[in-house]
PDB file of N, CA and C in Angstrom:
ATOM      1  N   UNK A   1       0.834  -1.174   0.000  1.00  0.00           N
ATOM      2  CA  UNK A   1       0.000   0.000   0.000  1.00  0.00           C
ATOM      3  C   UNK A   1       0.886   1.248   0.000  1.00  0.00           C
ATOM      4  N   UNK A   2       0.579   2.184  -0.870  1.00  0.00           N
ATOM      5  CA  UNK A   2       1.338   3.425  -1.002  1.00  0.00           C
ATOM      6  C   UNK A   2       0.745   4.481  -0.084  1.00  0.00           C
ATOM      7  N   UNK A   3       1.572   5.048   0.800  1.00  0.00           N
ATOM      8  CA  UNK A   3       1.118   6.085   1.727  1.00  0.00           C
ATOM      9  C   UNK A   3       1.943   7.342   1.477  1.00  0.00           C
ATOM     10  N   UNK A   4       1.260   8.450   1.269  1.00  0.00           N
ATOM     11  CA  UNK A   4       1.954   9.697   0.978  1.00  0.00           C
ATOM     12  C   UNK A   4       2.580  10.283   2.244  1.00  0.00           C
ATOM     13  N   UNK A   5       3.506  11.188   2.039  1.00  0.00           N
ATOM     14  CA  UNK A   5       4.131  11.879   3.163  1.00  0.00           C
ATOM     15  C   UNK A   5       3.094  12.661   3.952  1.00  0.00           C
ATOM     16  N   UNK A   6       2.166  13.304   3.258  1.00  0.00           N
ATOM     17  CA  UNK A   6       1.110  14.069   3.932  1.00  0.00           C
ATOM     18  C   UNK A   6       0.255  13.158   4.811  1.00  0.00           C
ATOM     19  N   UNK A   7      -0.058  11.982   4.308  1.00  0.00           N
ATOM     20  CA  UNK A   7      -0.863  11.036   5.077  1.00  0.00           C
ATOM     21  C   UNK A   7      -0.106  10.574   6.321  1.00  0.00           C
ATOM     22  N   UNK A   8       1.194  10.354   6.190  1.00  0.00           N
ATOM     23  CA  UNK A   8       2.012   9.969   7.341  1.00  0.00           C
ATOM     24  C   UNK A   8       2.044  11.090   8.367  1.00  0.00           C
ATOM     25  N   UNK A   9       2.172  12.320   7.906  1.00  0.00           N
ATOM     26  CA  UNK A   9       2.192  13.467   8.812  1.00  0.00           C
ATOM     27  C   UNK A   9       0.861  13.604   9.539  1.00  0.00           C
ATOM     28  N   UNK A  10      -0.221  13.459   8.822  1.00  0.00           N
ATOM     29  CA  UNK A  10      -1.549  13.550   9.430  1.00  0.00           C
ATOM     30  C   UNK A  10      -1.721  12.454  10.473  1.00  0.00           C
ATOM     31  N   UNK A  11      -1.278  11.256  10.158  1.00  0.00           N
ATOM     32  CA  UNK A  11      -1.378  10.134  11.094  1.00  0.00           C
ATOM     33  C   UNK A  11      -0.571  10.418  12.355  1.00  0.00           C
ATOM     34  N   UNK A  12       0.591  11.022  12.179  1.00  0.00           N
ATOM     35  CA  UNK A  12       1.440  11.343  13.325  1.00  0.00           C
ATOM     36  C   UNK A  12       0.763  12.340  14.258  1.00  0.00           C
ATOM     37  N   UNK A  13      -0.069  13.195  13.714  1.00  0.00           N
ATOM     38  CA  UNK A  13      -0.752  14.199  14.529  1.00  0.00           C
ATOM     39  C   UNK A  13      -2.025  13.674  15.185  1.00  0.00           C
ATOM     40  N   UNK A  14      -2.472  12.486  14.829  1.00  0.00           N
ATOM     41  CA  UNK A  14      -3.704  11.925  15.411  1.00  0.00           C
ATOM     42  C   UNK A  14      -3.658  11.927  16.935  1.00  0.00           C
ATOM     43  N   UNK A  15      -2.511  11.610  17.499  1.00  0.00           N
ATOM     44  CA  UNK A  15      -2.370  11.549  18.951  1.00  0.00           C
ATOM     45  C   UNK A  15      -2.523  12.924  19.590  1.00  0.00           C
ATOM     46  N   UNK A  16      -2.330  13.964  18.814  1.00  0.00           N
ATOM     47  CA  UNK A  16      -2.385  15.327  19.345  1.00  0.00           C
ATOM     48  C   UNK A  16      -3.705  16.040  19.089  1.00  0.00           C
ATOM     49  N   UNK A  17      -4.629  15.381  18.407  1.00  0.00           N
ATOM     50  CA  UNK A  17      -5.865  16.055  18.005  1.00  0.00           C
ATOM     51  C   UNK A  17      -6.673  16.591  19.175  1.00  0.00           C
ATOM     52  N   UNK A  18      -6.767  15.857  20.268  1.00  0.00           N
ATOM     53  CA  UNK A  18      -7.535  16.328  21.430  1.00  0.00           C
ATOM     54  C   UNK A  18      -6.898  17.589  22.005  1.00  0.00           C
ATOM     55  N   UNK A  19      -5.582  17.583  22.136  1.00  0.00           N
ATOM     56  CA  UNK A  19      -4.878  18.763  22.645  1.00  0.00           C
ATOM     57  C   UNK A  19      -5.039  19.941  21.691  1.00  0.00           C
ATOM     58  N   UNK A  20      -4.932  19.665  20.409  1.00  0.00           N
ATOM     59  CA  UNK A  20      -5.078  20.711  19.402  1.00  0.00           C
ATOM     60  C   UNK A  20      -6.488  21.299  19.444  1.00  0.00           C
ATOM     61  N   UNK A  21      -7.470  20.450  19.660  1.00  0.00           N
ATOM     62  CA  UNK A  21      -8.861  20.913  19.769  1.00  0.00           C
ATOM     63  C   UNK A  21      -9.031  21.817  20.990  1.00  0.00           C
ATOM     64  N   UNK A  22      -8.404  21.460  22.108  1.00  0.00           N
ATOM     65  CA  UNK A  22      -8.490  22.277  23.316  1.00  0.00           C
ATOM     66  C   UNK A  22      -7.826  23.638  23.103  1.00  0.00           C
ATOM     67  N   UNK A  23      -6.686  23.644  22.444  1.00  0.00           N
ATOM     68  CA  UNK A  23      -5.992  24.900  22.133  1.00  0.00           C
ATOM     69  C   UNK A  23      -6.859  25.755  21.228  1.00  0.00           C
ATOM     70  N   UNK A  24      -7.454  25.119  20.238  1.00  0.00           N
ATOM     71  CA  UNK A  24      -8.326  25.825  19.303  1.00  0.00           C
ATOM     72  C   UNK A  24      -9.495  26.471  20.037  1.00  0.00           C
ATOM     73  N   UNK A  25     -10.113  25.739  20.942  1.00  0.00           N
ATOM     74  CA  UNK A  25     -11.235  26.271  21.721  1.00  0.00           C
ATOM     75  C   UNK A  25     -10.809  27.488  22.533  1.00  0.00           C
ATOM     76  N   UNK A  26      -9.650  27.404  23.154  1.00  0.00           N
ATOM     77  CA  UNK A  26      -9.158  28.539  23.943  1.00  0.00           C
ATOM     78  C   UNK A  26      -8.919  29.754  23.051  1.00  0.00           C
ATOM     79  N   UNK A  27      -8.316  29.524  21.894  1.00  0.00           N
ATOM     80  CA  UNK A  27      -8.052  30.627  20.970  1.00  0.00           C
ATOM     81  C   UNK A  27      -9.347  31.281  20.505  1.00  0.00           C
ATOM     82  N   UNK A  28     -10.363  30.478  20.253  1.00  0.00           N
ATOM     83  CA  UNK A  28     -11.652  31.027  19.827  1.00  0.00           C
ATOM     84  C   UNK A  28     -12.324  31.806  20.950  1.00  0.00           C
ATOM     85  N   UNK A  29     -12.194  31.321  22.192  1.00  0.00           N
ATOM     86  CA  UNK A  29     -12.794  31.999  23.333  1.00  0.00           C
ATOM     87  C   UNK A  29     -12.102  33.325  23.643  1.00  0.00           C
ATOM     88  N   UNK A  30     -10.781  33.330  23.566  1.00  0.00           N
ATOM     89  CA  UNK A  30      -9.995  34.487  24.011  1.00  0.00           C
ATOM     90  C   UNK A  30      -9.641  35.463  22.892  1.00  0.00           C
ATOM     91  N   UNK A  31      -9.751  35.028  21.633  1.00  0.00           N
ATOM     92  CA  UNK A  31      -9.522  35.936  20.520  1.00  0.00           C
ATOM     93  C   UNK A  31      -8.146  35.827  19.870  1.00  0.00           C
ATOM     94  N   UNK A  32      -7.954  36.682  18.889  1.00  0.00           N
ATOM     95  CA  UNK A  32      -6.766  36.634  18.039  1.00  0.00           C
ATOM     96  C   UNK A  32      -5.470  36.882  18.808  1.00  0.00           C
ATOM     97  N   UNK A  33      -5.503  37.774  19.777  1.00  0.00           N
ATOM     98  CA  UNK A  33      -4.287  38.067  20.543  1.00  0.00           C
ATOM     99  C   UNK A  33      -3.791  36.826  21.284  1.00  0.00           C
ATOM    100  N   UNK A  34      -4.713  36.099  21.894  1.00  0.00           N
ATOM    101  CA  UNK A  34      -4.349  34.866  22.599  1.00  0.00           C
ATOM    102  C   UNK A  34      -3.874  33.805  21.611  1.00  0.00           C
ATOM    103  N   UNK A  35      -4.534  33.707  20.477  1.00  0.00           N
ATOM    104  CA  UNK A  35      -4.116  32.741  19.455  1.00  0.00           C
ATOM    105  C   UNK A  35      -2.695  33.038  18.989  1.00  0.00           C
ATOM    106  N   UNK A  36      -2.389  34.300  18.777  1.00  0.00           N
ATOM    107  CA  UNK A  36      -1.035  34.676  18.373  1.00  0.00           C
ATOM    108  C   UNK A  36      -0.025  34.369  19.465  1.00  0.00           C
ATOM    109  N   UNK A  37      -0.416  34.590  20.709  1.00  0.00           N
ATOM    110  CA  UNK A  37       0.480  34.321  21.836  1.00  0.00           C
ATOM    111  C   UNK A  37       0.787  32.828  21.952  1.00  0.00           C
ATOM    112  N   UNK A  38      -0.245  32.008  21.815  1.00  0.00           N
ATOM    113  CA  UNK A  38      -0.078  30.565  21.977  1.00  0.00           C
ATOM    114  C   UNK A  38       0.593  29.926  20.763  1.00  0.00           C
ATOM    115  N   UNK A  39       0.108  30.268  19.580  1.00  0.00           N
ATOM    116  CA  UNK A  39       0.531  29.569  18.375  1.00  0.00           C
ATOM    117  C   UNK A  39       1.644  30.265  17.599  1.00  0.00           C
ATOM    118  N   UNK A  40       1.660  31.568  17.628  1.00  0.00           N
ATOM    119  CA  UNK A  40       2.660  32.312  16.865  1.00  0.00           C
ATOM    120  C   UNK A  40       2.622  31.928  15.396  1.00  0.00           C
ATOM    121  N   UNK A  41       3.781  31.855  14.803  1.00  0.00           N
ATOM    122  CA  UNK A  41       3.883  31.513  13.381  1.00  0.00           C
ATOM    123  C   UNK A  41       3.459  30.075  13.090  1.00  0.00           C
ATOM    124  N   UNK A  42       3.488  29.218  14.102  1.00  0.00           N
ATOM    125  CA  UNK A  42       3.100  27.812  13.917  1.00  0.00           C
ATOM    126  C   UNK A  42       1.613  27.644  13.635  1.00  0.00           C
ATOM    127  N   UNK A  43       0.830  28.659  13.947  1.00  0.00           N
ATOM    128  CA  UNK A  43      -0.610  28.577  13.728  1.00  0.00           C
ATOM    129  C   UNK A  43      -0.969  28.275  12.289  1.00  0.00           C
ATOM    130  N   UNK A  44      -0.230  28.839  11.349  1.00  0.00           N
ATOM    131  CA  UNK A  44      -0.506  28.597   9.928  1.00  0.00           C
ATOM    132  C   UNK A  44      -0.264  27.136   9.565  1.00  0.00           C
ATOM    133  N   UNK A  45       0.761  26.553  10.137  1.00  0.00           N
ATOM    134  CA  UNK A  45       1.067  25.139   9.871  1.00  0.00           C
ATOM    135  C   UNK A  45       0.013  24.250  10.505  1.00  0.00           C
ATOM    136  N   UNK A  46      -0.326  24.526  11.753  1.00  0.00           N
ATOM    137  CA  UNK A  46      -1.322  23.708  12.443  1.00  0.00           C
ATOM    138  C   UNK A  46      -2.703  23.830  11.809  1.00  0.00           C
ATOM    139  N   UNK A  47      -2.983  24.960  11.199  1.00  0.00           N
ATOM    140  CA  UNK A  47      -4.280  25.155  10.540  1.00  0.00           C
ATOM    141  C   UNK A  47      -4.476  24.176   9.385  1.00  0.00           C
ATOM    142  N   UNK A  48      -3.400  23.637   8.854  1.00  0.00           N
ATOM    143  CA  UNK A  48      -3.515  22.619   7.802  1.00  0.00           C
ATOM    144  C   UNK A  48      -4.168  21.351   8.348  1.00  0.00           C
ATOM    145  N   UNK A  49      -4.038  21.121   9.660  1.00  0.00           N
ATOM    146  CA  UNK A  49      -4.566  19.916  10.292  1.00  0.00           C
ATOM    147  C   UNK A  49      -5.831  20.176  11.082  1.00  0.00           C
ATOM    148  N   UNK A  50      -6.058  21.420  11.470  1.00  0.00           N
ATOM    149  CA  UNK A  50      -7.257  21.797  12.218  1.00  0.00           C
ATOM    150  C   UNK A  50      -7.796  23.092  11.609  1.00  0.00           C
ATOM    151  N   UNK A  51      -8.795  22.953  10.782  1.00  0.00           N
ATOM    152  CA  UNK A  51      -9.308  24.067   9.995  1.00  0.00           C
ATOM    153  C   UNK A  51      -9.825  25.226  10.844  1.00  0.00           C
ATOM    154  N   UNK A  52     -10.303  24.951  12.033  1.00  0.00           N
ATOM    155  CA  UNK A  52     -10.856  26.026  12.856  1.00  0.00           C
ATOM    156  C   UNK A  52      -9.792  26.959  13.416  1.00  0.00           C
ATOM    157  N   UNK A  53      -8.529  26.622  13.232  1.00  0.00           N
ATOM    158  CA  UNK A  53      -7.457  27.536  13.632  1.00  0.00           C
ATOM    159  C   UNK A  53      -7.297  28.603  12.593  1.00  0.00           C
TER     160      UNK A  53
END
């Protein structure tokens, strides 16, 4: 079976989805300033895996 690099990366993040969801909820509750504080430049990368970011 052929598995793409993107699929492997997504699978690797499966273990972190609950934590990512909690971070996302906090960012939505507290606003953009808090999201920038918590995620910084990484927010754009994480948004590929969690659309609500």
